[in-house]
Amino acid sequence: MPVRRGCLPGGRAGAGARRTGETERLPARGHGGAVECDGRAGSGEHAVTEADEILSIEGLARHFTPPVSVTDRLFRKKPVVNRAVDGVDLVLRKGETLGLVGESGCGKSTLARTIVGLYRPTAGTISYQGEVLPERRTRAQQRAIQMVFQDPYSSLNPRMTVGQMLSELLRYHKLVPRNKVDERNRELMHLVGLPESALGQRPRQFSGGQRQRVGIARALALEPSVLVADEPVSALDVSVQATIINLLADLKETLHLSVIFVSHNMAVVRQICERTAVMYRGRIVETGVTDTLFDDPAHPYTRLLIGSVPRLVGAHGPVEAEEDKTGDLGPMREEVARSAERDGTRPCRFADRCPSVVAACADEPPLLADPRDPARHAACVHLSHHPEGVIA
C-alpha cells in the first residue's frame, strides 16, 4: 500500500475511510520544492513569527549520570555523564509535521520523551503556545502534548482491555461526563479504524498494526494539540507500515494536529514532513525545508546520512555513495582533540568523523542559527566561508 501525501479532499476526510474499502490517492507533491495542494511549505515559505509557533525548545538538555560505585568513591573517580540531549534548539509550527532523523543513539527518543514530559530536562526550556512549561506540568499541559510509542505492545497494559484503558484516561482527566465515556470510547475506535468490539479485547489479542492503532487512540483520547510519534512503524511489518502512516496523516488533517515524527526511514520523512531536523550526538546539526535539506544538504553529517541510504535509483539517475575523503585527516583530527583538551573547549561533535575537518573545529561548537528563519541552518564553521550555506 503506497504512502499517501497531500491534503484530504475537503480537508475533513475521515480517518476510518479505508474501512469502507476506499483507496483514494491524494495529490502528490511537485518537483523543485513546489507543492500541489498538500499544505506543505515550499522553498519560498514565509517568515515565521511567534504566533505561528506551537512548541519552542531552547537550550534543552537531558543528561544521565550512572550510580557511583564504592570503588569509584574510594578512588574519587568522577562518573561519566551521558549527554543524551545537549543544547537543542527547535521550533514546531502550528499544523506542520516536523521530521527528526539521525543514527541510532543520537538522542532522538530521549528528546521526544523530554518534550512529552516523561524525562525532566537537565537544562533549557520547553514552551507551549508561548508559555514555558514548568517541571511539574498541570493536567492541561500534560494533555496538550501526547506520544505514540515505538513498541505498541510494551506500551499497553496487558491486564486491561482497550475500553478500560481509555475509560481510565477519560475519567482521570474529566474530559467527558461519566455517562458519556462509553460513547467517547466508540468514537475513538471509529477514529483509528477499529471495530467497537475491540473495546472488550486485551493487547495480546491484536496484531501489531492494531495495537499501534490502540496506542494512537489512547493518545488522541486526551485531545492533544501536539503529537510526538517516536518511530511509530519501525516495529511493524512492512505490509502495515503504510496504513499506519496514512492514518497519522489523516488524523493530522482531521484534528488539526502538529506532529513531531521521529524516524530512521528517510523516504517516509521526505514523503510526509514539511521540515526536517537532523540530530547527531545530542544536538541538532541542521534544520530546513525537507525538500531542500534532502536535495542539497549543508552539513557534512547530513550529506553522509542521506548518502548512506540504500537505494537503486534516485530522482536524477543512479545514486552514488558519499565519497570517503577521510584518508589524510588523521593528524588533523588528533590536533583538534588535543587542542580541545588543552583549552577546555568542546569542539564540533562531528569533528572526529567529518571529511571536511579543519583547525577551526577545535574552537567552541558552532551554533545553529535561529530556527525561526525560513531558510535552512546548519551548525558548521564552514558556513561562514560559504554564504549560500553549502559546503564545497
Protein backbone atom coordinates (compact mmCIF):
# COMPACT_ATOMS: atom_id res chain seq x y z
CA MET A 1 0.00 0.00 0.00
CA PRO A 2 1.58 3.31 -1.05
CA VAL A 3 2.11 6.08 1.47
CA ARG A 4 -0.19 8.93 0.61
CA ARG A 5 0.64 12.56 0.82
CA GLY A 6 -1.21 15.81 0.44
CA CYS A 7 -4.35 17.38 1.80
CA LEU A 8 -7.57 15.48 2.35
CA PRO A 9 -10.47 16.17 -0.01
CA GLY A 10 -12.43 18.97 1.58
CA GLY A 11 -9.95 18.92 4.45
CA ARG A 12 -12.17 16.61 6.53
CA ALA A 13 -11.91 13.10 5.10
CA GLY A 14 -12.47 10.57 7.86
CA ALA A 15 -9.50 8.61 9.13
CA GLY A 16 -11.58 5.45 9.01
CA ALA A 17 -12.45 5.75 5.31
CA ARG A 18 -10.33 2.73 4.48
CA ARG A 19 -12.76 0.56 6.42
CA THR A 20 -15.29 1.03 3.61
CA GLY A 21 -12.80 -0.15 1.00
CA GLU A 22 -11.89 3.28 -0.35
CA THR A 23 -8.37 3.56 -1.73
CA GLU A 24 -8.31 7.17 -2.88
CA ARG A 25 -4.91 8.59 -3.79
CA LEU A 26 -4.11 12.07 -2.57
CA PRO A 27 -2.43 14.71 -4.73
CA ALA A 28 1.33 14.30 -5.00
CA ARG A 29 3.99 16.89 -4.39
CA GLY A 30 5.50 18.66 -7.34
CA HIS A 31 9.17 18.96 -8.24
CA GLY A 32 11.65 21.58 -7.16
CA GLY A 33 10.12 22.16 -3.76
CA ALA A 34 6.76 23.27 -5.15
CA VAL A 35 3.69 21.84 -3.52
CA GLU A 36 0.44 20.73 -5.06
CA CYS A 37 -2.45 21.03 -2.62
CA ASP A 38 -0.81 19.36 0.34
CA GLY A 39 -0.37 22.39 2.54
CA ARG A 40 3.38 21.95 2.71
CA ALA A 41 5.74 24.89 2.64
CA GLY A 42 7.97 25.11 -0.42
CA SER A 43 11.36 26.71 -0.73
CA GLY A 44 9.78 30.16 -0.69
CA GLU A 45 7.96 29.85 2.61
CA HIS A 46 7.09 33.00 4.54
CA ALA A 47 8.95 34.32 7.55
CA VAL A 48 7.77 32.68 10.74
CA THR A 49 6.50 34.68 13.70
CA GLU A 50 5.96 33.58 17.28
CA ALA A 51 2.23 33.39 16.52
CA ASP A 52 3.00 30.53 14.10
CA GLU A 53 4.80 28.52 16.77
CA ILE A 54 3.05 25.96 18.93
CA LEU A 55 6.17 24.47 20.52
CA SER A 56 9.51 26.18 21.11
CA ILE A 57 12.56 24.44 22.58
CA GLU A 58 15.59 26.44 23.72
CA GLY A 59 18.85 25.02 25.06
CA LEU A 60 17.19 21.76 26.07
CA ALA A 61 19.45 19.20 27.73
CA ARG A 62 18.90 15.82 29.34
CA HIS A 63 21.92 14.17 30.97
CA PHE A 64 22.12 10.78 32.65
CA THR A 65 24.60 10.10 35.46
CA PRO A 66 25.20 6.44 36.36
CA PRO A 67 25.24 5.42 40.03
CA VAL A 68 28.64 5.78 41.70
CA SER A 69 30.12 2.51 42.94
CA VAL A 70 32.02 2.07 46.19
CA THR A 71 35.28 1.62 44.25
CA ASP A 72 34.74 4.85 42.34
CA ARG A 73 34.09 6.70 45.58
CA LEU A 74 37.20 5.22 47.15
CA PHE A 75 39.41 6.40 44.29
CA ARG A 76 37.36 9.59 43.81
CA LYS A 77 36.62 8.69 40.24
CA LYS A 78 34.16 11.03 38.58
CA PRO A 79 31.19 9.34 36.90
CA VAL A 80 30.92 9.61 33.13
CA VAL A 81 27.89 11.73 32.28
CA ASN A 82 25.85 10.61 29.28
CA ARG A 83 24.78 13.79 27.49
CA ALA A 84 21.92 12.21 25.57
CA VAL A 85 20.41 15.60 24.71
CA ASP A 86 22.76 18.56 25.00
CA GLY A 87 21.61 22.02 23.97
CA VAL A 88 18.77 21.50 21.49
CA ASP A 89 17.00 24.48 19.89
CA LEU A 90 13.93 23.60 17.86
CA VAL A 91 10.61 25.08 16.79
CA LEU A 92 7.41 23.26 15.83
CA ARG A 93 4.91 25.31 13.87
CA LYS A 94 1.16 25.03 14.01
CA GLY A 95 -0.22 22.37 11.69
CA GLU A 96 3.13 21.08 10.43
CA THR A 97 4.86 17.71 10.56
CA LEU A 98 8.47 18.07 11.66
CA GLY A 99 10.75 15.13 10.92
CA LEU A 100 13.54 14.23 13.36
CA VAL A 101 16.22 11.97 11.91
CA GLY A 102 19.64 10.70 12.93
CA GLU A 103 21.53 7.50 13.60
CA SER A 104 20.73 5.17 16.49
CA GLY A 105 21.87 6.54 19.84
CA CYS A 106 21.94 10.19 18.80
CA GLY A 107 19.24 11.15 21.33
CA LYS A 108 16.06 11.30 19.24
CA SER A 109 13.91 9.20 21.56
CA THR A 110 15.31 10.92 24.66
CA LEU A 111 14.44 14.29 23.14
CA ALA A 112 10.93 13.06 22.31
CA ARG A 113 10.36 11.76 25.85
CA THR A 114 11.68 15.00 27.34
CA ILE A 115 9.31 17.05 25.19
CA VAL A 116 6.35 14.96 26.34
CA GLY A 117 7.43 15.22 29.98
CA LEU A 118 8.48 11.64 30.67
CA TYR A 119 12.00 12.92 31.42
CA ARG A 120 12.74 16.08 33.35
CA PRO A 121 15.15 18.34 31.47
CA THR A 122 18.58 18.92 32.94
CA ALA A 123 18.64 22.40 31.43
CA GLY A 124 16.77 24.53 28.93
CA THR A 125 13.10 25.34 28.41
CA ILE A 126 10.11 23.95 26.53
CA SER A 127 7.42 26.49 25.65
CA TYR A 128 3.91 25.56 24.56
CA GLN A 129 1.97 28.34 22.81
CA GLY A 130 4.32 30.94 24.28
CA GLU A 131 4.13 29.62 27.86
CA VAL A 132 7.18 27.97 29.42
CA LEU A 133 6.23 24.53 30.72
CA PRO A 134 7.19 24.00 34.37
CA GLU A 135 8.98 20.93 35.67
CA ARG A 136 5.70 19.67 37.11
CA ARG A 137 3.10 20.19 34.41
CA THR A 138 -0.59 20.74 35.01
CA ARG A 139 -3.09 18.23 33.68
CA ALA A 140 -4.00 20.56 30.83
CA GLN A 141 -0.33 20.89 29.87
CA GLN A 142 0.12 17.13 30.04
CA ARG A 143 -2.87 16.59 27.74
CA ALA A 144 -1.62 19.11 25.18
CA ILE A 145 1.45 17.04 24.19
CA GLN A 146 0.96 13.30 23.74
CA MET A 147 3.15 10.49 22.42
CA VAL A 148 2.80 7.46 20.19
CA PHE A 149 5.44 4.94 21.28
CA GLN A 150 7.68 2.78 19.13
CA ASP A 151 6.65 -0.59 20.59
CA PRO A 152 2.85 -0.83 20.68
CA TYR A 153 2.89 -3.97 22.82
CA SER A 154 5.11 -2.92 25.72
CA SER A 155 3.41 0.49 25.93
CA LEU A 156 -0.03 -1.05 26.63
CA ASN A 157 -1.19 -2.61 29.89
CA PRO A 158 -1.62 -6.35 29.14
CA ARG A 159 -4.10 -6.82 32.00
CA MET A 160 -6.57 -4.19 30.87
CA THR A 161 -8.97 -4.17 27.96
CA VAL A 162 -8.87 -1.30 25.50
CA GLY A 163 -12.11 0.05 26.94
CA GLN A 164 -10.70 0.02 30.46
CA MET A 165 -7.53 1.86 29.39
CA LEU A 166 -9.43 4.58 27.57
CA SER A 167 -12.08 4.94 30.26
CA GLU A 168 -9.43 5.36 32.95
CA LEU A 169 -7.86 8.24 31.00
CA LEU A 170 -11.16 9.98 30.33
CA ARG A 171 -12.31 9.73 33.93
CA TYR A 172 -8.99 10.86 35.41
CA HIS A 173 -8.77 13.93 33.20
CA LYS A 174 -12.55 14.57 33.37
CA LEU A 175 -12.78 15.18 29.63
CA VAL A 176 -16.35 13.90 29.28
CA PRO A 177 -19.20 13.21 31.72
CA ARG A 178 -19.17 9.71 33.18
CA ASN A 179 -22.31 8.74 31.29
CA LYS A 180 -20.59 9.71 28.01
CA VAL A 181 -17.37 7.71 28.49
CA ASP A 182 -18.55 4.63 26.57
CA GLU A 183 -19.76 6.80 23.70
CA ARG A 184 -16.41 8.57 23.52
CA ASN A 185 -14.61 5.21 23.51
CA ARG A 186 -16.63 4.12 20.49
CA GLU A 187 -15.81 7.39 18.72
CA LEU A 188 -12.10 6.79 19.29
CA MET A 189 -12.35 3.29 17.82
CA HIS A 190 -14.00 4.64 14.68
CA LEU A 191 -11.39 7.40 14.51
CA VAL A 192 -8.48 4.93 14.30
CA GLY A 193 -10.25 2.36 12.13
CA LEU A 194 -11.00 -0.34 14.72
CA PRO A 195 -14.37 -2.05 15.35
CA GLU A 196 -16.27 -1.29 18.55
CA SER A 197 -15.74 -4.90 19.64
CA ALA A 198 -12.04 -4.05 20.17
CA LEU A 199 -13.01 -2.22 23.36
CA GLY A 200 -13.55 -5.57 25.10
CA GLN A 201 -10.24 -7.09 24.00
CA ARG A 202 -6.75 -7.05 25.51
CA PRO A 203 -3.50 -6.12 23.71
CA ARG A 204 -2.42 -9.76 23.22
CA GLN A 205 -5.49 -10.34 21.04
CA PHE A 206 -4.42 -7.77 18.43
CA SER A 207 -1.89 -7.74 15.63
CA GLY A 208 0.99 -5.27 15.69
CA GLY A 209 -0.80 -2.77 13.47
CA GLN A 210 -3.98 -2.98 15.53
CA ARG A 211 -2.03 -2.46 18.75
CA GLN A 212 -0.47 0.66 17.29
CA ARG A 213 -3.95 1.93 16.41
CA VAL A 214 -4.91 1.39 20.04
CA GLY A 215 -1.84 3.39 21.09
CA ILE A 216 -2.86 6.20 18.76
CA ALA A 217 -6.41 6.14 20.13
CA ARG A 218 -5.05 6.38 23.67
CA ALA A 219 -3.01 9.46 22.74
CA LEU A 220 -5.96 11.09 20.97
CA ALA A 221 -8.28 10.43 23.91
CA LEU A 222 -6.69 13.39 25.68
CA GLU A 223 -7.37 15.71 22.71
CA PRO A 224 -3.76 16.92 22.26
CA SER A 225 -2.56 19.72 20.01
CA VAL A 226 0.92 18.20 19.58
CA LEU A 227 1.56 14.55 18.79
CA VAL A 228 5.08 13.13 19.17
CA ALA A 229 5.41 9.92 17.13
CA ASP A 230 8.56 8.06 18.17
CA GLU A 231 9.25 5.68 15.29
CA PRO A 232 5.61 4.56 15.23
CA VAL A 233 6.06 2.00 12.44
CA SER A 234 9.57 0.60 12.97
CA ALA A 235 8.26 -2.38 14.99
CA LEU A 236 5.60 -3.26 12.40
CA ASP A 237 5.61 -5.40 9.28
CA VAL A 238 6.31 -3.54 6.07
CA SER A 239 2.86 -4.50 4.80
CA VAL A 240 1.12 -2.48 7.54
CA GLN A 241 3.54 0.42 7.91
CA ALA A 242 1.94 2.45 5.14
CA THR A 243 -1.55 2.08 6.64
CA ILE A 244 -0.38 3.49 9.98
CA ILE A 245 1.47 6.36 8.29
CA ASN A 246 -1.62 7.17 6.23
CA LEU A 247 -3.75 7.04 9.38
CA LEU A 248 -1.47 9.53 11.13
CA ALA A 249 -1.58 11.82 8.09
CA ASP A 250 -5.38 11.66 8.02
CA LEU A 251 -5.66 12.36 11.74
CA LYS A 252 -3.29 15.31 11.47
CA GLU A 253 -5.53 16.97 8.89
CA THR A 254 -8.82 15.99 10.50
CA LEU A 255 -7.87 17.02 14.05
CA HIS A 256 -5.51 19.89 13.07
CA LEU A 257 -2.54 18.38 14.90
CA SER A 258 1.10 19.43 14.92
CA VAL A 259 3.35 16.38 14.70
CA ILE A 260 6.97 15.58 15.54
CA PHE A 261 7.79 12.46 13.54
CA VAL A 262 10.88 10.57 14.74
CA SER A 263 12.12 8.01 12.24
CA HIS A 264 15.06 6.18 10.68
CA ASN A 265 13.17 5.85 7.41
CA MET A 266 14.40 8.77 5.33
CA ALA A 267 11.97 8.04 2.50
CA VAL A 268 8.96 8.30 4.83
CA VAL A 269 10.29 11.50 6.38
CA ARG A 270 10.68 13.08 2.98
CA GLN A 271 7.20 11.96 2.00
CA ILE A 272 5.20 13.32 4.95
CA CYS A 273 7.26 16.04 6.68
CA GLU A 274 7.27 19.74 5.79
CA ARG A 275 10.51 20.39 7.64
CA THR A 276 13.26 18.12 8.92
CA ALA A 277 15.78 18.37 11.75
CA VAL A 278 18.95 16.24 11.75
CA MET A 279 20.33 15.17 15.13
CA TYR A 280 23.83 13.97 15.98
CA ARG A 281 25.28 13.17 19.42
CA GLY A 282 22.61 15.02 21.33
CA ARG A 283 22.46 18.14 19.16
CA ILE A 284 20.60 19.41 16.14
CA VAL A 285 23.14 19.90 13.37
CA GLU A 286 20.81 21.03 10.57
CA THR A 287 17.21 22.10 10.05
CA GLY A 288 15.37 23.14 6.95
CA VAL A 289 12.58 22.59 4.47
CA THR A 290 12.53 18.86 3.77
CA ASP A 291 12.98 19.01 0.00
CA THR A 292 15.85 21.50 0.25
CA LEU A 293 17.58 19.56 3.00
CA PHE A 294 17.39 16.27 1.10
CA ASP A 295 18.30 17.69 -2.31
CA ASP A 296 21.16 19.93 -1.17
CA PRO A 297 22.26 19.21 2.44
CA ALA A 298 24.55 21.78 4.04
CA HIS A 299 26.09 19.94 7.00
CA PRO A 300 28.70 17.21 6.29
CA TYR A 301 26.87 14.75 8.56
CA THR A 302 23.58 15.32 6.75
CA ARG A 303 25.33 14.63 3.45
CA LEU A 304 26.77 11.36 4.76
CA LEU A 305 23.48 10.34 6.38
CA ILE A 306 21.44 10.87 3.22
CA GLY A 307 24.18 9.33 1.07
CA SER A 308 24.16 6.17 3.19
CA VAL A 309 20.51 5.39 2.43
CA PRO A 310 20.46 2.25 0.23
CA ARG A 311 18.52 2.81 -2.98
CA LEU A 312 18.90 1.76 -6.58
CA VAL A 313 17.81 4.84 -8.49
CA GLY A 314 17.38 8.44 -7.36
CA ALA A 315 15.49 11.34 -8.86
CA HIS A 316 18.29 12.03 -11.35
CA GLY A 317 19.56 8.54 -12.06
CA PRO A 318 21.74 6.14 -10.06
CA VAL A 319 22.84 7.49 -6.71
CA GLU A 320 26.47 7.15 -5.75
CA ALA A 321 27.59 6.72 -2.15
CA GLU A 322 29.29 9.67 -0.47
CA GLU A 323 32.97 9.68 -1.37
CA ASP A 324 35.30 8.86 1.51
CA LYS A 325 37.65 11.82 1.96
CA THR A 326 38.91 10.94 5.41
CA GLY A 327 42.11 9.14 4.48
CA ASP A 328 44.56 12.01 5.18
CA LEU A 329 42.72 13.67 8.06
CA GLY A 330 44.01 11.57 10.96
CA PRO A 331 46.65 14.13 12.11
CA MET A 332 44.15 17.00 11.85
CA ARG A 333 41.60 15.16 13.99
CA GLU A 334 44.24 14.38 16.61
CA GLU A 335 45.23 18.05 16.71
CA VAL A 336 41.60 19.09 17.15
CA ALA A 337 41.23 16.67 20.06
CA ARG A 338 44.49 17.84 21.71
CA SER A 339 43.57 21.50 21.30
CA ALA A 340 40.14 20.94 22.80
CA GLU A 341 41.60 19.08 25.79
CA ARG A 342 44.27 21.74 26.33
CA ASP A 343 41.95 24.75 26.08
CA GLY A 344 38.99 23.15 27.82
CA THR A 345 36.73 23.66 24.80
CA ARG A 346 34.32 21.19 23.28
CA PRO A 347 34.75 21.00 19.52
CA CYS A 348 32.16 20.16 16.91
CA ARG A 349 30.60 16.79 17.73
CA PHE A 350 31.23 15.57 14.19
CA ALA A 351 34.89 16.62 14.01
CA ASP A 352 36.23 13.10 14.58
CA ARG A 353 34.32 11.80 11.54
CA CYS A 354 33.99 14.85 9.33
CA PRO A 355 35.53 14.69 5.84
CA SER A 356 35.99 18.49 5.93
CA VAL A 357 37.59 18.95 9.37
CA VAL A 358 39.85 22.00 9.83
CA ALA A 359 41.73 23.51 12.77
CA ALA A 360 38.84 25.90 13.50
CA CYS A 361 36.75 22.88 14.53
CA ALA A 362 38.69 22.85 17.83
CA ASP A 363 37.05 26.12 18.87
CA GLU A 364 33.68 26.45 20.59
CA PRO A 365 30.99 24.30 18.95
CA PRO A 366 29.30 26.03 16.02
CA LEU A 367 25.84 27.26 16.98
CA LEU A 368 22.73 26.52 14.98
CA ALA A 369 21.27 29.74 13.62
CA ASP A 370 17.83 30.98 14.65
CA PRO A 371 15.41 28.13 13.78
CA ARG A 372 12.59 30.65 13.16
CA ASP A 373 14.30 31.79 9.96
CA PRO A 374 12.59 30.13 6.97
CA ALA A 375 15.96 29.25 5.46
CA ARG A 376 17.79 26.11 6.46
CA HIS A 377 20.55 26.25 9.04
CA ALA A 378 23.50 24.05 9.82
CA ALA A 379 25.93 24.07 12.74
CA CYS A 380 29.23 24.12 10.86
CA VAL A 381 32.19 26.53 10.80
CA HIS A 382 32.40 26.19 7.02
CA LEU A 383 29.16 28.07 6.54
CA SER A 384 30.85 31.37 7.38
CA HIS A 385 33.00 30.88 4.28
CA HIS A 386 30.06 29.83 2.11
CA PRO A 387 27.30 32.45 2.23
CA GLU A 388 24.95 30.19 0.29
CA GLY A 389 25.10 27.70 3.16
CA VAL A 390 26.57 24.89 1.07
CA ILE A 391 29.86 23.22 1.91
CA ALA A 392 32.05 22.53 -1.09
